Amino acid sequence: MAGAFGIAPKVHYCSLHHGLLLTEYIDGQHWQPDDLKDPGKATLLTESLAVLHSLPATPTKFGYRQHAEHYWQQLELANADIPERLAEDRNRVLEIIDNIPPRSVTCHHDPLPLNIIEKDGKLVFLDWEYSAPGWPAFDYAALSVEWNIAIEKLSLPLSISHDEVQLAKELYIYLCELWTCLQA
């Protein structure tokens, strides 16, 4: 679907049974966070995210709580050394999750610089494995963290406040830190 809107590679073949996905090759340029010092590129990034958020949503929403708790359980099963700060943040983050606004749009959930390529003046998002209907502020929080953009400098849609993105940023950082612990 996103390929038809020009913001994802077109899918040539997909087999869930075999775990195989074959998409078109995108011959373009990966941006780096410093590229966003160009106001035109920063605008293109937020406009492309708005297009992504306007895609028709599938019925299955992203489970932020399930995701966080799954990571936590994996750490416990591995007898991993969980930093005390993460344990202290856990209840606060679960409270943020419980208070996510009910609106839901198609979200990428992983808009890292390596997952976005510019081709012919347009941005193409890669790595859609976490995409699902979700909290749009989460994608903007990821932009803030991964692209090193102050929240106040993000060009947000009117339906999302800077305070909302700050809460989503807490959730995003928490999930990233859990993921990092799992990789250790």
Protein backbone atom coordinates (compact mmCIF):
# COMPACT_ATOMS: atom_id res chain seq x y z
CA MET A 1 0.00 0.00 0.00
CA ALA A 2 2.70 2.53 0.98
CA GLY A 3 4.54 1.71 -2.26
CA ALA A 4 1.55 2.93 -4.24
CA PHE A 5 1.89 6.29 -2.44
CA GLY A 6 5.59 6.49 -3.32
CA ILE A 7 6.86 6.40 0.25
CA ALA A 8 7.95 2.75 0.35
CA PRO A 9 9.56 0.35 -2.09
CA LYS A 10 7.04 -1.48 -4.24
CA VAL A 11 6.57 -5.10 -3.18
CA HIS A 12 7.31 -7.57 -5.96
CA TYR A 13 6.81 -10.76 -3.96
CA CYS A 14 5.81 -11.63 -0.41
CA SER A 15 5.52 -15.06 1.22
CA LEU A 16 4.63 -15.06 4.90
CA HIS A 17 4.96 -18.84 4.90
CA HIS A 18 8.60 -18.64 3.78
CA GLY A 19 9.42 -15.37 5.53
CA LEU A 20 10.35 -13.77 2.22
CA LEU A 21 9.82 -10.23 1.03
CA LEU A 22 11.17 -8.99 -2.29
CA THR A 23 10.88 -5.26 -2.98
CA GLU A 24 12.17 -2.91 -5.60
CA TYR A 25 15.70 -1.59 -5.10
CA ILE A 26 15.76 2.08 -4.21
CA ASP A 27 18.80 3.77 -5.68
CA GLY A 28 19.01 6.92 -3.61
CA GLN A 29 20.80 8.73 -0.84
CA HIS A 30 20.53 7.99 2.88
CA TRP A 31 20.33 11.22 4.80
CA GLN A 32 22.35 11.91 7.91
CA PRO A 33 21.04 13.94 10.87
CA ASP A 34 23.15 16.94 9.79
CA ASP A 35 21.19 17.05 6.51
CA LEU A 36 18.26 18.43 8.47
CA LYS A 37 20.10 21.70 9.01
CA ASP A 38 18.70 22.43 5.54
CA PRO A 39 15.16 23.73 6.29
CA GLY A 40 13.88 22.33 2.98
CA LYS A 41 14.99 18.82 3.92
CA ALA A 42 13.51 19.14 7.40
CA THR A 43 10.20 20.16 5.83
CA LEU A 44 10.37 17.27 3.35
CA LEU A 45 10.90 14.82 6.20
CA THR A 46 7.93 16.02 8.24
CA GLU A 47 5.72 16.28 5.14
CA SER A 48 6.65 12.72 4.15
CA LEU A 49 5.79 11.53 7.65
CA ALA A 50 2.41 13.27 7.32
CA VAL A 51 1.79 11.33 4.08
CA LEU A 52 2.71 8.10 5.87
CA HIS A 53 0.30 8.98 8.69
CA SER A 54 -2.48 9.55 6.16
CA LEU A 55 -2.28 6.01 4.73
CA PRO A 56 -5.27 3.76 5.37
CA ALA A 57 -4.73 1.92 8.65
CA THR A 58 -5.01 -1.81 9.16
CA PRO A 59 -7.25 -3.02 12.00
CA THR A 60 -4.45 -4.32 14.26
CA LYS A 61 -3.00 -1.54 16.39
CA PHE A 62 0.61 -1.49 17.63
CA GLY A 63 0.75 -2.82 21.19
CA TYR A 64 3.08 -0.46 23.02
CA ARG A 65 2.47 -2.12 26.40
CA GLN A 66 2.85 -5.61 24.95
CA HIS A 67 6.04 -4.54 23.20
CA ALA A 68 7.57 -3.05 26.37
CA GLU A 69 6.50 -5.97 28.54
CA HIS A 70 7.80 -8.51 26.00
CA TYR A 71 11.24 -6.86 26.08
CA TRP A 72 11.10 -6.79 29.88
CA GLN A 73 10.17 -10.48 30.07
CA GLN A 74 12.98 -11.39 27.66
CA LEU A 75 15.45 -9.56 29.89
CA GLU A 76 14.15 -11.37 32.97
CA LEU A 77 14.31 -14.77 31.23
CA ALA A 78 17.90 -14.08 30.23
CA ASN A 79 18.74 -13.04 33.80
CA ALA A 80 20.04 -9.84 32.27
CA ASP A 81 21.40 -7.05 34.40
CA ILE A 82 18.57 -4.52 34.07
CA PRO A 83 19.76 -1.01 34.91
CA GLU A 84 18.05 0.32 38.04
CA ARG A 85 16.98 3.44 36.15
CA LEU A 86 14.92 1.32 33.72
CA ALA A 87 13.22 -0.44 36.61
CA GLU A 88 12.45 2.97 38.13
CA ASP A 89 11.09 4.27 34.79
CA ARG A 90 8.91 1.23 34.13
CA ASN A 91 5.76 2.35 35.97
CA ARG A 92 6.01 5.88 34.56
CA VAL A 93 6.29 4.52 31.01
CA LEU A 94 3.41 2.10 31.50
CA GLU A 95 1.33 5.06 32.73
CA ILE A 96 2.24 6.97 29.56
CA ILE A 97 1.15 3.96 27.50
CA ASP A 98 -2.14 3.72 29.38
CA ASN A 99 -2.84 7.37 28.57
CA ILE A 100 -2.04 7.33 24.85
CA PRO A 101 -4.81 9.20 23.04
CA PRO A 102 -7.26 6.87 21.32
CA ARG A 103 -6.71 8.24 17.80
CA SER A 104 -4.65 5.94 15.67
CA VAL A 105 -2.94 6.41 12.30
CA THR A 106 -0.54 4.35 10.23
CA CYS A 107 2.85 4.76 11.90
CA HIS A 108 6.30 3.59 10.86
CA HIS A 109 7.60 3.28 14.44
CA ASP A 110 11.24 3.15 13.22
CA PRO A 111 12.06 6.27 11.14
CA LEU A 112 15.82 6.08 11.70
CA PRO A 113 18.17 7.78 9.22
CA LEU A 114 19.13 4.36 7.80
CA ASN A 115 15.46 3.60 7.15
CA ILE A 116 14.89 6.63 4.93
CA ILE A 117 16.28 7.25 1.45
CA GLU A 118 15.89 10.27 -0.80
CA LYS A 119 15.23 9.49 -4.43
CA ASP A 120 14.34 12.09 -7.03
CA GLY A 121 13.46 14.67 -4.38
CA LYS A 122 11.12 12.33 -2.48
CA LEU A 123 11.65 10.29 0.66
CA VAL A 124 11.16 6.54 0.72
CA PHE A 125 10.77 4.77 4.08
CA LEU A 126 12.39 1.34 4.46
CA ASP A 127 12.08 -1.39 7.10
CA TRP A 128 8.35 -1.51 7.73
CA GLU A 129 8.42 -4.44 10.17
CA TYR A 130 7.14 -2.34 13.09
CA SER A 131 4.60 -0.37 11.08
CA ALA A 132 1.06 -0.52 12.35
CA PRO A 133 -1.70 1.83 13.41
CA GLY A 134 -0.46 3.70 16.43
CA TRP A 135 0.31 6.94 18.19
CA PRO A 136 1.56 9.49 15.63
CA ALA A 137 3.50 11.37 18.32
CA PHE A 138 5.71 8.26 18.60
CA ASP A 139 7.07 8.74 15.07
CA TYR A 140 7.86 12.39 15.81
CA ALA A 141 9.54 11.34 19.07
CA ALA A 142 11.69 8.91 17.10
CA LEU A 143 12.62 11.72 14.71
CA SER A 144 13.62 13.89 17.66
CA VAL A 145 15.85 11.19 19.15
CA GLU A 146 17.32 9.56 16.06
CA TRP A 147 17.76 12.72 13.99
CA ASN A 148 18.84 14.85 16.97
CA ILE A 149 16.08 17.43 16.51
CA ALA A 150 14.77 19.42 19.45
CA ILE A 151 11.06 18.76 19.86
CA GLU A 152 10.37 22.48 19.64
CA LYS A 153 11.94 22.53 16.17
CA LEU A 154 9.73 19.76 14.80
CA SER A 155 7.02 20.90 12.43
CA LEU A 156 4.08 19.08 14.01
CA PRO A 157 0.53 18.70 12.75
CA LEU A 158 -2.00 20.73 14.74
CA SER A 159 -3.39 17.55 16.29
CA ILE A 160 -0.09 16.79 18.10
CA SER A 161 1.41 18.99 20.82
CA HIS A 162 5.06 19.31 21.80
CA ASP A 163 4.10 17.99 25.26
CA GLU A 164 2.58 14.90 23.66
CA VAL A 165 5.78 14.30 21.67
CA GLN A 166 7.79 14.68 24.89
CA LEU A 167 5.75 11.88 26.49
CA ALA A 168 6.17 9.75 23.37
CA LYS A 169 9.90 10.46 23.50
CA GLU A 170 10.06 9.02 27.03
CA LEU A 171 8.38 5.86 25.73
CA TYR A 172 10.63 5.69 22.66
CA ILE A 173 13.83 6.08 24.69
CA TYR A 174 12.65 3.49 27.20
CA LEU A 175 11.93 0.95 24.44
CA CYS A 176 15.30 1.67 22.80
CA GLU A 177 17.09 1.18 26.11
CA LEU A 178 15.31 -2.14 26.69
CA TRP A 179 16.27 -3.20 23.17
CA THR A 180 19.90 -2.21 23.81
CA CYS A 181 19.93 -4.31 27.00
CA LEU A 182 18.57 -7.26 25.03
CA GLN A 183 21.41 -6.94 22.51
CA ALA A 184 24.13 -6.95 25.20
